[in-house]
Every structure is written in structure tokens, then in C-alpha cells.
């Protein structure tokens, strides 16, 4: 299911029910690029594997082949292959999700982690 725009009050429900978080963000000239990519950290906090475009802040938020996959967002075949890789390898997807959650909790200051946890557990 592709949810499209989701209201803030519904985000936790979507993260919880997702199998994978996919946002193939890309650079749009002259200077439109994903800043840091907190949505990738939010998905990771829920233990979800992430597929992201290999541009901008997504490359800082997602560790390729550790917490998710970074793909060329202009290559539809690469996106398809990444989705199928996680779909066909649930253990790999689960491992990415676990590593992503641990990374958020261990490597981002406790204020950010606590705010994210508070925000998303309050909406469950």
C-alpha cells in the first residue's frame, strides 16, 4: 500500500504496520535536496528497514547494507530490486530494522530519541 500524505496523528499507525519504509528522495536542481532525513530515523525507530535515495541527508541517516539500502533514485530498476531484495529476504529486512532502531537509540542524543519515542508512542 502506498499511503500518500498522512496526517501527523496517524503516522505512528503507518510506521507500526509498515514492512519497509521507502522514500527514494533525489536532488532536484538547482538546490532542492533532502536536508537530514529525520523520516528515515523515525522509520528506524520503529524497527523498519529503509530504502532511500542516495543523495543529501539520506546518506547520513541510512547506513547502506546496515540499516537499509541506498539506491539511485532515478533508476526504477534499482528501486524495484531493492524492494524485492527486502521482500524476498525477511531476515535481512528484520536485521536492517533492528540495527536501525539500535542506531537511533544509541547514536542520537537522548533528547532527540526521547522526543521521537514520546511522539510516536503517544499516537499508538
N, C-alpha and C. Protein backbone atom coordinates (compact mmCIF):
# COMPACT_ATOMS: atom_id res chain seq x y z
N UNK A 1 0.85 -1.17 0.00
CA UNK A 1 0.00 0.00 0.00
C UNK A 1 0.89 1.24 0.00
N UNK A 2 0.57 2.18 -0.84
CA UNK A 2 1.24 3.46 -0.87
C UNK A 2 0.29 4.46 -0.25
N UNK A 3 0.66 4.99 0.91
CA UNK A 3 -0.26 5.79 1.71
C UNK A 3 -0.42 7.23 1.23
N UNK A 4 0.58 7.78 0.58
CA UNK A 4 0.50 9.19 0.21
C UNK A 4 0.66 10.05 1.45
N UNK A 5 0.07 11.25 1.45
CA UNK A 5 0.18 12.15 2.60
C UNK A 5 -0.60 11.57 3.78
N UNK A 6 0.05 11.57 4.93
CA UNK A 6 -0.55 11.02 6.15
C UNK A 6 -0.55 12.12 7.21
N UNK A 7 -1.66 12.27 7.89
CA UNK A 7 -1.76 13.25 8.97
C UNK A 7 -0.83 12.87 10.12
N UNK A 8 -0.29 13.87 10.81
CA UNK A 8 0.63 13.62 11.92
C UNK A 8 0.04 12.66 12.95
N UNK A 9 -1.24 12.79 13.21
CA UNK A 9 -1.88 11.95 14.23
C UNK A 9 -1.97 10.48 13.81
N UNK A 10 -1.74 10.20 12.53
CA UNK A 10 -1.84 8.84 12.02
C UNK A 10 -0.48 8.20 11.73
N UNK A 11 0.59 8.97 11.85
CA UNK A 11 1.92 8.48 11.44
C UNK A 11 2.33 7.21 12.19
N UNK A 12 2.14 7.19 13.48
CA UNK A 12 2.56 6.02 14.27
C UNK A 12 1.90 4.74 13.77
N UNK A 13 0.64 4.82 13.43
CA UNK A 13 -0.09 3.65 12.94
C UNK A 13 0.54 3.14 11.63
N UNK A 14 0.92 4.06 10.77
CA UNK A 14 1.51 3.65 9.49
C UNK A 14 2.91 3.06 9.69
N UNK A 15 3.73 3.72 10.50
CA UNK A 15 5.06 3.16 10.77
C UNK A 15 4.94 1.76 11.38
N UNK A 16 4.04 1.61 12.32
CA UNK A 16 3.88 0.32 13.00
C UNK A 16 3.45 -0.79 12.05
N UNK A 17 2.61 -0.47 11.10
CA UNK A 17 2.08 -1.51 10.22
C UNK A 17 2.92 -1.73 8.97
N UNK A 18 3.90 -0.88 8.73
CA UNK A 18 4.72 -0.99 7.51
C UNK A 18 5.68 -2.17 7.58
N UNK A 19 5.98 -2.72 6.42
CA UNK A 19 7.03 -3.73 6.30
C UNK A 19 8.37 -3.08 6.00
N UNK A 20 8.33 -2.00 5.25
CA UNK A 20 9.54 -1.28 4.84
C UNK A 20 9.16 0.18 4.60
N UNK A 21 10.11 1.07 4.84
CA UNK A 21 9.90 2.49 4.56
C UNK A 21 10.70 2.84 3.32
N UNK A 22 10.02 3.33 2.29
CA UNK A 22 10.66 3.65 1.01
C UNK A 22 10.45 5.12 0.70
N UNK A 23 11.55 5.84 0.53
CA UNK A 23 11.50 7.24 0.12
C UNK A 23 12.72 7.50 -0.75
N UNK A 24 12.56 7.28 -2.06
CA UNK A 24 13.70 7.45 -2.96
C UNK A 24 13.93 8.92 -3.30
N UNK A 25 14.24 9.71 -2.28
CA UNK A 25 14.45 11.14 -2.47
C UNK A 25 15.58 11.37 -3.47
N UNK A 26 15.52 12.51 -4.13
CA UNK A 26 16.53 12.80 -5.14
C UNK A 26 16.85 14.29 -5.15
N UNK A 27 17.96 14.62 -5.71
CA UNK A 27 18.39 16.00 -5.87
C UNK A 27 17.62 16.60 -7.05
N UNK A 28 17.05 17.78 -6.83
CA UNK A 28 16.36 18.50 -7.89
C UNK A 28 17.07 19.82 -8.08
N UNK A 29 17.74 20.00 -9.21
CA UNK A 29 18.49 21.25 -9.43
C UNK A 29 17.55 22.45 -9.36
N UNK A 30 18.01 23.60 -8.88
CA UNK A 30 19.40 23.87 -8.62
C UNK A 30 19.85 23.51 -7.20
N UNK A 31 18.95 23.47 -6.22
CA UNK A 31 19.43 23.21 -4.86
C UNK A 31 18.39 22.57 -3.96
N UNK A 32 17.46 21.81 -4.49
CA UNK A 32 16.44 21.15 -3.69
C UNK A 32 16.90 19.73 -3.38
N UNK A 33 17.20 19.49 -2.10
CA UNK A 33 17.72 18.20 -1.68
C UNK A 33 17.24 17.90 -0.26
N UNK A 34 17.08 16.63 0.06
CA UNK A 34 16.70 16.23 1.41
C UNK A 34 17.77 16.71 2.38
N UNK A 35 17.36 17.48 3.39
CA UNK A 35 18.32 18.03 4.35
C UNK A 35 19.00 16.97 5.19
N UNK A 36 18.34 16.48 6.20
CA UNK A 36 18.94 15.44 7.03
C UNK A 36 18.20 14.12 6.87
N UNK A 37 16.91 14.16 6.77
CA UNK A 37 16.16 12.93 6.59
C UNK A 37 15.68 12.31 7.88
N UNK A 38 15.08 13.11 8.74
CA UNK A 38 14.60 12.59 10.02
C UNK A 38 13.54 11.51 9.83
N UNK A 39 12.83 11.52 8.71
CA UNK A 39 11.83 10.47 8.49
C UNK A 39 12.47 9.08 8.44
N UNK A 40 13.71 9.02 7.98
CA UNK A 40 14.41 7.73 7.96
C UNK A 40 14.71 7.26 9.38
N UNK A 41 15.05 8.21 10.25
CA UNK A 41 15.30 7.86 11.65
C UNK A 41 14.00 7.47 12.34
N UNK A 42 12.91 8.14 12.00
CA UNK A 42 11.61 7.79 12.57
C UNK A 42 11.26 6.35 12.19
N UNK A 43 11.41 6.00 10.93
CA UNK A 43 11.12 4.64 10.48
C UNK A 43 12.03 3.64 11.19
N UNK A 44 13.30 4.00 11.31
CA UNK A 44 14.24 3.12 12.00
C UNK A 44 13.87 2.93 13.46
N UNK A 45 13.38 3.98 14.09
CA UNK A 45 12.96 3.88 15.49
C UNK A 45 11.86 2.84 15.65
N UNK A 46 11.05 2.66 14.62
CA UNK A 46 10.01 1.64 14.64
C UNK A 46 10.53 0.27 14.21
N UNK A 47 11.84 0.18 13.97
CA UNK A 47 12.43 -1.10 13.58
C UNK A 47 12.17 -1.48 12.14
N UNK A 48 11.95 -0.49 11.30
CA UNK A 48 11.65 -0.76 9.89
C UNK A 48 12.91 -0.61 9.03
N UNK A 49 13.11 -1.51 8.09
CA UNK A 49 14.19 -1.32 7.13
C UNK A 49 13.84 -0.16 6.22
N UNK A 50 14.86 0.51 5.71
CA UNK A 50 14.64 1.73 4.94
C UNK A 50 15.28 1.60 3.56
N UNK A 51 14.58 2.10 2.55
CA UNK A 51 15.14 2.27 1.22
C UNK A 51 15.08 3.76 0.92
N UNK A 52 16.24 4.35 0.62
CA UNK A 52 16.31 5.79 0.41
C UNK A 52 17.13 6.11 -0.83
N UNK A 53 16.87 7.28 -1.38
CA UNK A 53 17.71 7.78 -2.47
C UNK A 53 19.09 8.12 -1.93
N UNK A 54 20.11 7.89 -2.73
CA UNK A 54 21.49 8.10 -2.29
C UNK A 54 21.95 9.55 -2.50
N UNK A 55 21.20 10.47 -1.92
CA UNK A 55 21.51 11.88 -2.07
C UNK A 55 21.18 12.63 -0.79
N UNK A 56 21.85 13.75 -0.61
CA UNK A 56 21.57 14.62 0.53
C UNK A 56 21.71 13.94 1.87
N UNK A 57 20.87 14.37 2.80
CA UNK A 57 20.93 13.88 4.17
C UNK A 57 20.53 12.43 4.34
N UNK A 58 19.88 11.86 3.35
CA UNK A 58 19.52 10.44 3.45
C UNK A 58 20.76 9.58 3.62
N UNK A 59 21.86 10.00 3.03
CA UNK A 59 23.10 9.21 3.12
C UNK A 59 23.70 9.27 4.51
N UNK A 60 23.30 10.24 5.32
CA UNK A 60 23.74 10.30 6.71
C UNK A 60 22.80 9.52 7.62
N UNK A 61 21.53 9.52 7.28
CA UNK A 61 20.52 8.88 8.13
C UNK A 61 20.44 7.37 7.91
N UNK A 62 20.77 6.92 6.70
CA UNK A 62 20.67 5.49 6.37
C UNK A 62 22.07 4.95 6.10
N UNK A 63 22.42 3.88 6.78
CA UNK A 63 23.69 3.21 6.53
C UNK A 63 23.44 2.06 5.55
N UNK A 64 24.02 2.20 4.34
CA UNK A 64 23.79 1.23 3.29
C UNK A 64 24.22 -0.18 3.73
N UNK A 65 23.32 -1.12 3.52
CA UNK A 65 23.52 -2.53 3.87
C UNK A 65 23.70 -2.77 5.36
N UNK A 66 23.32 -1.81 6.18
CA UNK A 66 23.33 -1.99 7.64
C UNK A 66 21.95 -1.67 8.21
N UNK A 67 21.43 -0.47 7.92
CA UNK A 67 20.10 -0.10 8.40
C UNK A 67 19.09 -0.05 7.26
N UNK A 68 19.58 -0.19 6.05
CA UNK A 68 18.71 -0.15 4.88
C UNK A 68 19.53 -0.12 3.61
N UNK A 69 18.88 0.31 2.54
CA UNK A 69 19.52 0.36 1.23
C UNK A 69 19.45 1.76 0.65
N UNK A 70 20.56 2.22 0.12
CA UNK A 70 20.62 3.49 -0.60
C UNK A 70 20.66 3.16 -2.09
N UNK A 71 19.75 3.78 -2.83
CA UNK A 71 19.64 3.47 -4.26
C UNK A 71 19.71 4.75 -5.07
N UNK A 72 20.00 4.59 -6.35
CA UNK A 72 19.93 5.70 -7.28
C UNK A 72 18.45 5.99 -7.52
N UNK A 73 17.94 7.13 -7.06
CA UNK A 73 16.50 7.39 -7.14
C UNK A 73 15.99 7.58 -8.57
N UNK A 74 16.87 7.74 -9.51
CA UNK A 74 16.45 7.90 -10.91
C UNK A 74 16.43 6.57 -11.65
N UNK A 75 16.79 5.49 -10.96
CA UNK A 75 16.87 4.18 -11.59
C UNK A 75 15.73 3.31 -11.05
N UNK A 76 14.65 3.20 -11.81
CA UNK A 76 13.48 2.44 -11.36
C UNK A 76 13.79 0.96 -11.15
N UNK A 77 14.67 0.41 -11.95
CA UNK A 77 15.05 -0.99 -11.78
C UNK A 77 15.77 -1.20 -10.46
N UNK A 78 16.65 -0.28 -10.09
CA UNK A 78 17.37 -0.39 -8.83
C UNK A 78 16.39 -0.30 -7.65
N UNK A 79 15.40 0.58 -7.76
CA UNK A 79 14.37 0.68 -6.72
C UNK A 79 13.59 -0.62 -6.62
N UNK A 80 13.18 -1.15 -7.75
CA UNK A 80 12.44 -2.41 -7.77
C UNK A 80 13.26 -3.53 -7.14
N UNK A 81 14.54 -3.61 -7.50
CA UNK A 81 15.40 -4.66 -6.97
C UNK A 81 15.58 -4.53 -5.45
N UNK A 82 15.68 -3.30 -4.96
CA UNK A 82 15.82 -3.08 -3.51
C UNK A 82 14.57 -3.55 -2.77
N UNK A 83 13.42 -3.19 -3.30
CA UNK A 83 12.16 -3.61 -2.67
C UNK A 83 12.05 -5.13 -2.66
N UNK A 84 12.34 -5.75 -3.80
CA UNK A 84 12.27 -7.21 -3.88
C UNK A 84 13.31 -7.89 -3.00
N UNK A 85 14.47 -7.28 -2.87
CA UNK A 85 15.51 -7.85 -2.01
C UNK A 85 15.00 -7.96 -0.57
N UNK A 86 14.36 -6.93 -0.08
CA UNK A 86 13.84 -6.97 1.29
C UNK A 86 12.60 -7.86 1.40
N UNK A 87 11.76 -7.83 0.37
CA UNK A 87 10.57 -8.67 0.37
C UNK A 87 10.95 -10.16 0.37
N UNK A 88 11.95 -10.50 -0.42
CA UNK A 88 12.36 -11.90 -0.54
C UNK A 88 13.31 -12.36 0.55
N UNK A 89 13.79 -11.44 1.36
CA UNK A 89 14.72 -11.76 2.45
C UNK A 89 14.22 -11.14 3.77
N UNK A 90 13.16 -11.70 4.35
CA UNK A 90 12.61 -11.10 5.56
C UNK A 90 13.61 -11.05 6.72
N UNK A 91 14.53 -12.00 6.77
CA UNK A 91 15.55 -11.94 7.83
C UNK A 91 16.46 -10.74 7.65
N UNK A 92 16.84 -10.44 6.42
CA UNK A 92 17.65 -9.27 6.13
C UNK A 92 16.89 -8.00 6.48
N UNK A 93 15.63 -7.92 6.08
CA UNK A 93 14.80 -6.76 6.39
C UNK A 93 14.70 -6.56 7.89
N UNK A 94 14.48 -7.64 8.62
CA UNK A 94 14.39 -7.58 10.08
C UNK A 94 15.72 -7.11 10.70
N UNK A 95 16.82 -7.62 10.18
CA UNK A 95 18.14 -7.23 10.68
C UNK A 95 18.38 -5.74 10.45
N UNK A 96 18.06 -5.24 9.26
CA UNK A 96 18.19 -3.81 8.99
C UNK A 96 17.35 -3.00 9.98
N UNK A 97 16.13 -3.46 10.23
CA UNK A 97 15.25 -2.76 11.16
C UNK A 97 15.81 -2.72 12.57
N UNK A 98 16.33 -3.83 13.02
CA UNK A 98 16.92 -3.90 14.37
C UNK A 98 18.12 -2.98 14.47
N UNK A 99 19.03 -3.06 13.49
CA UNK A 99 20.22 -2.20 13.51
C UNK A 99 19.83 -0.72 13.43
N UNK A 100 18.82 -0.41 12.65
CA UNK A 100 18.37 0.97 12.54
C UNK A 100 17.84 1.50 13.86
N UNK A 101 17.03 0.71 14.54
CA UNK A 101 16.47 1.14 15.83
C UNK A 101 17.58 1.34 16.86
N UNK A 102 18.49 0.38 16.94
CA UNK A 102 19.60 0.49 17.89
C UNK A 102 20.44 1.73 17.57
N UNK A 103 20.68 1.97 16.30
CA UNK A 103 21.49 3.13 15.89
C UNK A 103 20.84 4.44 16.35
N UNK A 104 19.54 4.57 16.15
CA UNK A 104 18.85 5.80 16.58
C UNK A 104 18.96 5.96 18.09
N UNK A 105 18.71 4.89 18.82
CA UNK A 105 18.71 4.98 20.28
C UNK A 105 20.11 5.21 20.85
N UNK A 106 21.13 4.67 20.19
CA UNK A 106 22.49 4.80 20.72
C UNK A 106 23.25 6.02 20.22
N UNK A 107 22.98 6.46 18.98
CA UNK A 107 23.84 7.46 18.38
C UNK A 107 23.26 8.87 18.29
N UNK A 108 22.02 9.01 18.59
CA UNK A 108 21.44 10.34 18.56
C UNK A 108 21.15 10.74 19.99
N UNK A 109 21.35 12.00 20.29
CA UNK A 109 21.26 12.42 21.68
C UNK A 109 19.94 11.99 22.29
N UNK A 110 19.95 11.82 23.56
CA UNK A 110 18.77 11.30 24.26
C UNK A 110 17.58 12.22 24.11
N UNK A 111 17.80 13.50 23.95
CA UNK A 111 16.69 14.43 23.77
C UNK A 111 15.94 14.10 22.49
N UNK A 112 16.67 13.91 21.38
CA UNK A 112 16.02 13.57 20.12
C UNK A 112 15.34 12.22 20.23
N UNK A 113 16.02 11.22 20.75
CA UNK A 113 15.44 9.89 20.88
C UNK A 113 14.18 9.93 21.74
N UNK A 114 14.24 10.64 22.86
CA UNK A 114 13.08 10.72 23.75
C UNK A 114 11.92 11.45 23.09
N UNK A 115 12.22 12.52 22.35
CA UNK A 115 11.14 13.25 21.66
C UNK A 115 10.48 12.35 20.62
N UNK A 116 11.30 11.62 19.86
CA UNK A 116 10.73 10.71 18.87
C UNK A 116 9.91 9.61 19.53
N UNK A 117 10.45 9.02 20.58
CA UNK A 117 9.71 7.97 21.29
C UNK A 117 8.40 8.50 21.86
N UNK A 118 8.45 9.68 22.48
CA UNK A 118 7.24 10.28 23.05
C UNK A 118 6.21 10.55 21.97
N UNK A 119 6.66 11.11 20.85
CA UNK A 119 5.75 11.46 19.77
C UNK A 119 5.05 10.23 19.24
N UNK A 120 5.80 9.16 18.99
CA UNK A 120 5.22 8.02 18.33
C UNK A 120 4.54 7.04 19.27
N UNK A 121 4.92 6.98 20.52
CA UNK A 121 4.19 6.10 21.43
C UNK A 121 2.90 6.75 21.90
N UNK A 122 2.84 8.07 21.89
CA UNK A 122 1.62 8.78 22.28
C UNK A 122 0.50 8.57 21.26
N UNK A 123 0.86 8.30 20.02
CA UNK A 123 -0.15 8.16 18.95
C UNK A 123 -0.58 6.72 18.70
N UNK A 124 -0.07 5.78 19.46
CA UNK A 124 -0.44 4.37 19.24
C UNK A 124 -1.79 4.07 19.82
